[in-house]
Amino acid sequence: METENNFYPGADAENRTTSPTTPERRAPPVPTTRQEARELERLRYEHGTAFEVYLDHLWNGIETITDMEADFSNLHWASYERIEQFVDDFIESLGWADARDHALREWAIPNNILIFDRAAMLEQLRGDFEFHERGGEVHVFIK
């Protein structure tokens, strides 16, 4: 996808990707068997920081350790170095980038005239996704 002018909000406190921390911290899951302890350790190892974010912000305390992987997989969209990459990937996944490029060619529209408002797109996506910064990445989860 061709890069365009990006008009993302600044990284001030109001526009941070991370949701405000909740006053009550969820208690971490407590394995009751060695098998559950191994499973929890495997999930932490395989999914890394994204899984830790899931435990801290999304895990509702109801799923058992054996059900966590399915719940995590259903909620975790992906992790990115920058939130802009998520917006670009989302636009690409909808086929909008190809449609835009086709319209530019078909109608001979200059490239810088028809651009995506990525900041508006991000605001729209905030209704369906949660963004958490940790470990130098932005972890995206479906609400």
C-alpha atoms as a PDB file:
ATOM      1  CA  MET A   1       0.000   0.000   0.000  1.00  0.00           C
ATOM      2  CA  GLU A   2       1.341   3.397  -0.941  1.00  0.00           C
ATOM      3  CA  THR A   3       2.055   5.666   1.953  1.00  0.00           C
ATOM      4  CA  GLU A   4      -0.029   8.781   2.128  1.00  0.00           C
ATOM      5  CA  ASN A   5      -0.064  11.773   4.364  1.00  0.00           C
ATOM      6  CA  ASN A   6      -0.894  10.461   7.807  1.00  0.00           C
ATOM      7  CA  PHE A   7      -2.758  12.801  10.108  1.00  0.00           C
ATOM      8  CA  TYR A   8      -2.766  10.783  13.319  1.00  0.00           C
ATOM      9  CA  PRO A   9      -3.334  12.568  16.584  1.00  0.00           C
ATOM     10  CA  GLY A  10      -0.279  13.335  18.654  1.00  0.00           C
ATOM     11  CA  ALA A  11       0.852  11.006  21.391  1.00  0.00           C
ATOM     12  CA  ASP A  12      -0.407  13.164  24.238  1.00  0.00           C
ATOM     13  CA  ALA A  13      -2.337  11.641  27.124  1.00  0.00           C
ATOM     14  CA  GLU A  14      -5.717  12.250  25.470  1.00  0.00           C
ATOM     15  CA  ASN A  15      -4.756  10.336  22.338  1.00  0.00           C
ATOM     16  CA  ARG A  16      -2.807   7.466  23.873  1.00  0.00           C
ATOM     17  CA  THR A  17      -3.746   4.050  22.593  1.00  0.00           C
ATOM     18  CA  THR A  18      -3.869   2.476  26.020  1.00  0.00           C
ATOM     19  CA  SER A  19      -7.148   2.607  27.876  1.00  0.00           C
ATOM     20  CA  PRO A  20      -6.992   4.168  31.313  1.00  0.00           C
ATOM     21  CA  THR A  21      -6.093   1.658  33.971  1.00  0.00           C
ATOM     22  CA  THR A  22      -8.970   0.321  35.980  1.00  0.00           C
ATOM     23  CA  PRO A  23      -8.892   0.951  39.709  1.00  0.00           C
ATOM     24  CA  GLU A  24      -9.291  -2.726  40.497  1.00  0.00           C
ATOM     25  CA  ARG A  25      -6.665  -5.079  39.197  1.00  0.00           C
ATOM     26  CA  ARG A  26      -7.809  -8.560  38.274  1.00  0.00           C
ATOM     27  CA  ALA A  27      -6.260 -11.313  40.306  1.00  0.00           C
ATOM     28  CA  PRO A  28      -4.079 -13.498  38.107  1.00  0.00           C
ATOM     29  CA  PRO A  29      -5.347 -16.990  37.384  1.00  0.00           C
ATOM     30  CA  VAL A  30      -4.256 -19.535  39.970  1.00  0.00           C
ATOM     31  CA  PRO A  31      -3.530 -23.014  38.637  1.00  0.00           C
ATOM     32  CA  THR A  32      -5.022 -25.791  40.749  1.00  0.00           C
ATOM     33  CA  THR A  33      -3.107 -28.636  39.092  1.00  0.00           C
ATOM     34  CA  ARG A  34       0.333 -29.113  37.563  1.00  0.00           C
ATOM     35  CA  GLN A  35      -1.349 -29.498  34.171  1.00  0.00           C
ATOM     36  CA  GLU A  36      -3.001 -26.080  34.534  1.00  0.00           C
ATOM     37  CA  ALA A  37       0.317 -24.570  35.631  1.00  0.00           C
ATOM     38  CA  ARG A  38       2.025 -26.000  32.536  1.00  0.00           C
ATOM     39  CA  GLU A  39      -0.810 -24.775  30.317  1.00  0.00           C
ATOM     40  CA  LEU A  40      -0.616 -21.249  31.740  1.00  0.00           C
ATOM     41  CA  GLU A  41       3.160 -21.193  31.303  1.00  0.00           C
ATOM     42  CA  ARG A  42       2.806 -22.430  27.695  1.00  0.00           C
ATOM     43  CA  LEU A  43       0.291 -19.693  26.904  1.00  0.00           C
ATOM     44  CA  ARG A  44       2.587 -17.040  28.370  1.00  0.00           C
ATOM     45  CA  TYR A  45       5.535 -18.404  26.402  1.00  0.00           C
ATOM     46  CA  GLU A  46       3.700 -18.790  23.065  1.00  0.00           C
ATOM     47  CA  HIS A  47       1.736 -15.531  23.122  1.00  0.00           C
ATOM     48  CA  GLY A  48       4.128 -13.343  25.109  1.00  0.00           C
ATOM     49  CA  THR A  49       3.196  -9.818  26.040  1.00  0.00           C
ATOM     50  CA  ALA A  50      -0.137  -9.960  24.214  1.00  0.00           C
ATOM     51  CA  PHE A  51      -1.260 -12.736  26.566  1.00  0.00           C
ATOM     52  CA  GLU A  52      -0.157 -10.728  29.613  1.00  0.00           C
ATOM     53  CA  VAL A  53      -2.247  -7.797  28.323  1.00  0.00           C
ATOM     54  CA  TYR A  54      -5.179 -10.175  27.912  1.00  0.00           C
ATOM     55  CA  LEU A  55      -4.826 -11.337  31.518  1.00  0.00           C
ATOM     56  CA  ASP A  56      -4.549  -7.779  32.836  1.00  0.00           C
ATOM     57  CA  HIS A  57      -7.304  -6.131  30.807  1.00  0.00           C
ATOM     58  CA  LEU A  58      -9.624  -8.621  29.109  1.00  0.00           C
ATOM     59  CA  TRP A  59      -9.711 -11.900  30.999  1.00  0.00           C
ATOM     60  CA  ASN A  60     -12.945 -11.884  32.950  1.00  0.00           C
ATOM     61  CA  GLY A  61     -11.908 -14.426  35.559  1.00  0.00           C
ATOM     62  CA  ILE A  62     -14.591 -16.848  34.442  1.00  0.00           C
ATOM     63  CA  GLU A  63     -12.726 -18.840  31.805  1.00  0.00           C
ATOM     64  CA  THR A  64     -10.701 -21.646  33.244  1.00  0.00           C
ATOM     65  CA  ILE A  65      -7.062 -21.940  32.339  1.00  0.00           C
ATOM     66  CA  THR A  66      -7.953 -24.661  29.847  1.00  0.00           C
ATOM     67  CA  ASP A  67     -10.453 -22.294  28.142  1.00  0.00           C
ATOM     68  CA  MET A  68      -8.153 -19.265  28.072  1.00  0.00           C
ATOM     69  CA  GLU A  69      -6.441 -20.020  24.794  1.00  0.00           C
ATOM     70  CA  ALA A  70      -9.706 -20.092  22.851  1.00  0.00           C
ATOM     71  CA  ASP A  71     -10.893 -16.885  24.531  1.00  0.00           C
ATOM     72  CA  PHE A  72      -7.545 -15.167  23.870  1.00  0.00           C
ATOM     73  CA  SER A  73      -7.617 -16.274  20.219  1.00  0.00           C
ATOM     74  CA  ASN A  74     -11.149 -14.940  19.796  1.00  0.00           C
ATOM     75  CA  LEU A  75     -10.262 -11.537  21.231  1.00  0.00           C
ATOM     76  CA  HIS A  76      -6.666 -10.875  20.107  1.00  0.00           C
ATOM     77  CA  TRP A  77      -6.589  -9.322  16.635  1.00  0.00           C
ATOM     78  CA  ALA A  78      -2.820  -8.793  16.343  1.00  0.00           C
ATOM     79  CA  SER A  79       0.130  -6.827  17.724  1.00  0.00           C
ATOM     80  CA  TYR A  80       1.887  -4.015  15.886  1.00  0.00           C
ATOM     81  CA  GLU A  81       4.895  -1.790  16.392  1.00  0.00           C
ATOM     82  CA  ARG A  82       2.706   1.243  15.699  1.00  0.00           C
ATOM     83  CA  ILE A  83      -1.044   1.774  15.632  1.00  0.00           C
ATOM     84  CA  GLU A  84      -0.732   3.167  12.100  1.00  0.00           C
ATOM     85  CA  GLN A  85       0.168  -0.327  10.917  1.00  0.00           C
ATOM     86  CA  PHE A  86      -3.111  -1.662  12.286  1.00  0.00           C
ATOM     87  CA  VAL A  87      -5.120   1.039  10.497  1.00  0.00           C
ATOM     88  CA  ASP A  88      -3.271   0.370   7.231  1.00  0.00           C
ATOM     89  CA  ASP A  89      -3.781  -3.398   7.587  1.00  0.00           C
ATOM     90  CA  PHE A  90      -7.463  -2.892   8.331  1.00  0.00           C
ATOM     91  CA  ILE A  91      -7.942  -0.667   5.277  1.00  0.00           C
ATOM     92  CA  GLU A  92      -6.099  -3.257   3.205  1.00  0.00           C
ATOM     93  CA  SER A  93      -8.217  -6.121   4.593  1.00  0.00           C
ATOM     94  CA  LEU A  94     -11.406  -4.336   3.514  1.00  0.00           C
ATOM     95  CA  GLY A  95     -10.097  -4.007  -0.027  1.00  0.00           C
ATOM     96  CA  TRP A  96     -10.356  -0.233   0.151  1.00  0.00           C
ATOM     97  CA  ALA A  97      -6.739   0.365  -0.849  1.00  0.00           C
ATOM     98  CA  ASP A  98      -7.196  -1.593  -4.074  1.00  0.00           C
ATOM     99  CA  ALA A  99     -10.525   0.145  -4.763  1.00  0.00           C
ATOM    100  CA  ARG A 100      -8.913   3.533  -4.209  1.00  0.00           C
ATOM    101  CA  ASP A 101      -5.989   2.678  -6.486  1.00  0.00           C
ATOM    102  CA  HIS A 102      -8.423   1.478  -9.150  1.00  0.00           C
ATOM    103  CA  ALA A 103     -10.453   4.710  -8.929  1.00  0.00           C
ATOM    104  CA  LEU A 104      -7.251   6.782  -9.146  1.00  0.00           C
ATOM    105  CA  ARG A 105      -6.219   4.989 -12.333  1.00  0.00           C
ATOM    106  CA  GLU A 106      -9.693   4.801 -13.860  1.00  0.00           C
ATOM    107  CA  TRP A 107     -10.517   8.472 -13.361  1.00  0.00           C
ATOM    108  CA  ALA A 108      -6.965   9.869 -13.573  1.00  0.00           C
ATOM    109  CA  ILE A 109      -7.254  11.388 -10.100  1.00  0.00           C
ATOM    110  CA  PRO A 110      -3.938  12.653  -8.696  1.00  0.00           C
ATOM    111  CA  ASN A 111      -2.640  10.436  -5.863  1.00  0.00           C
ATOM    112  CA  ASN A 112      -2.672  13.136  -3.202  1.00  0.00           C
ATOM    113  CA  ILE A 113      -6.286  14.174  -3.859  1.00  0.00           C
ATOM    114  CA  LEU A 114      -8.097  11.011  -2.804  1.00  0.00           C
ATOM    115  CA  ILE A 115      -6.620   9.925   0.509  1.00  0.00           C
ATOM    116  CA  PHE A 116      -7.829   8.025   3.563  1.00  0.00           C
ATOM    117  CA  ASP A 117      -8.491  10.001   6.710  1.00  0.00           C
ATOM    118  CA  ARG A 118      -6.630   7.581   8.949  1.00  0.00           C
ATOM    119  CA  ALA A 119      -7.297   9.532  12.152  1.00  0.00           C
ATOM    120  CA  ALA A 120     -11.047   9.352  11.482  1.00  0.00           C
ATOM    121  CA  MET A 121     -10.695   5.652  10.649  1.00  0.00           C
ATOM    122  CA  LEU A 122      -8.913   5.063  13.955  1.00  0.00           C
ATOM    123  CA  GLU A 123     -11.670   6.887  15.845  1.00  0.00           C
ATOM    124  CA  GLN A 124     -14.242   4.697  14.118  1.00  0.00           C
ATOM    125  CA  LEU A 125     -12.316   1.536  14.979  1.00  0.00           C
ATOM    126  CA  ARG A 126     -12.077   2.486  18.661  1.00  0.00           C
ATOM    127  CA  GLY A 127     -15.739   1.488  18.940  1.00  0.00           C
ATOM    128  CA  ASP A 128     -14.921  -2.125  18.033  1.00  0.00           C
ATOM    129  CA  PHE A 129     -11.333  -2.566  19.213  1.00  0.00           C
ATOM    130  CA  GLU A 130      -9.245  -1.970  22.328  1.00  0.00           C
ATOM    131  CA  PHE A 131      -5.638  -0.835  22.035  1.00  0.00           C
ATOM    132  CA  HIS A 132      -3.062  -1.500  24.741  1.00  0.00           C
ATOM    133  CA  GLU A 133       0.570  -0.407  24.577  1.00  0.00           C
ATOM    134  CA  ARG A 134       3.069  -2.671  26.253  1.00  0.00           C
ATOM    135  CA  GLY A 135       6.496  -4.038  25.504  1.00  0.00           C
ATOM    136  CA  GLY A 136       7.061  -1.586  22.635  1.00  0.00           C
ATOM    137  CA  GLU A 137       3.986  -2.801  20.777  1.00  0.00           C
ATOM    138  CA  VAL A 138       0.323  -1.980  20.401  1.00  0.00           C
ATOM    139  CA  HIS A 139      -1.813  -5.015  21.175  1.00  0.00           C
ATOM    140  CA  VAL A 140      -5.203  -4.916  19.458  1.00  0.00           C
ATOM    141  CA  PHE A 141      -8.190  -6.770  20.878  1.00  0.00           C
ATOM    142  CA  ILE A 142     -11.781  -7.034  19.695  1.00  0.00           C
ATOM    143  CA  LYS A 143     -14.250  -5.566  22.176  1.00  0.00           C
END
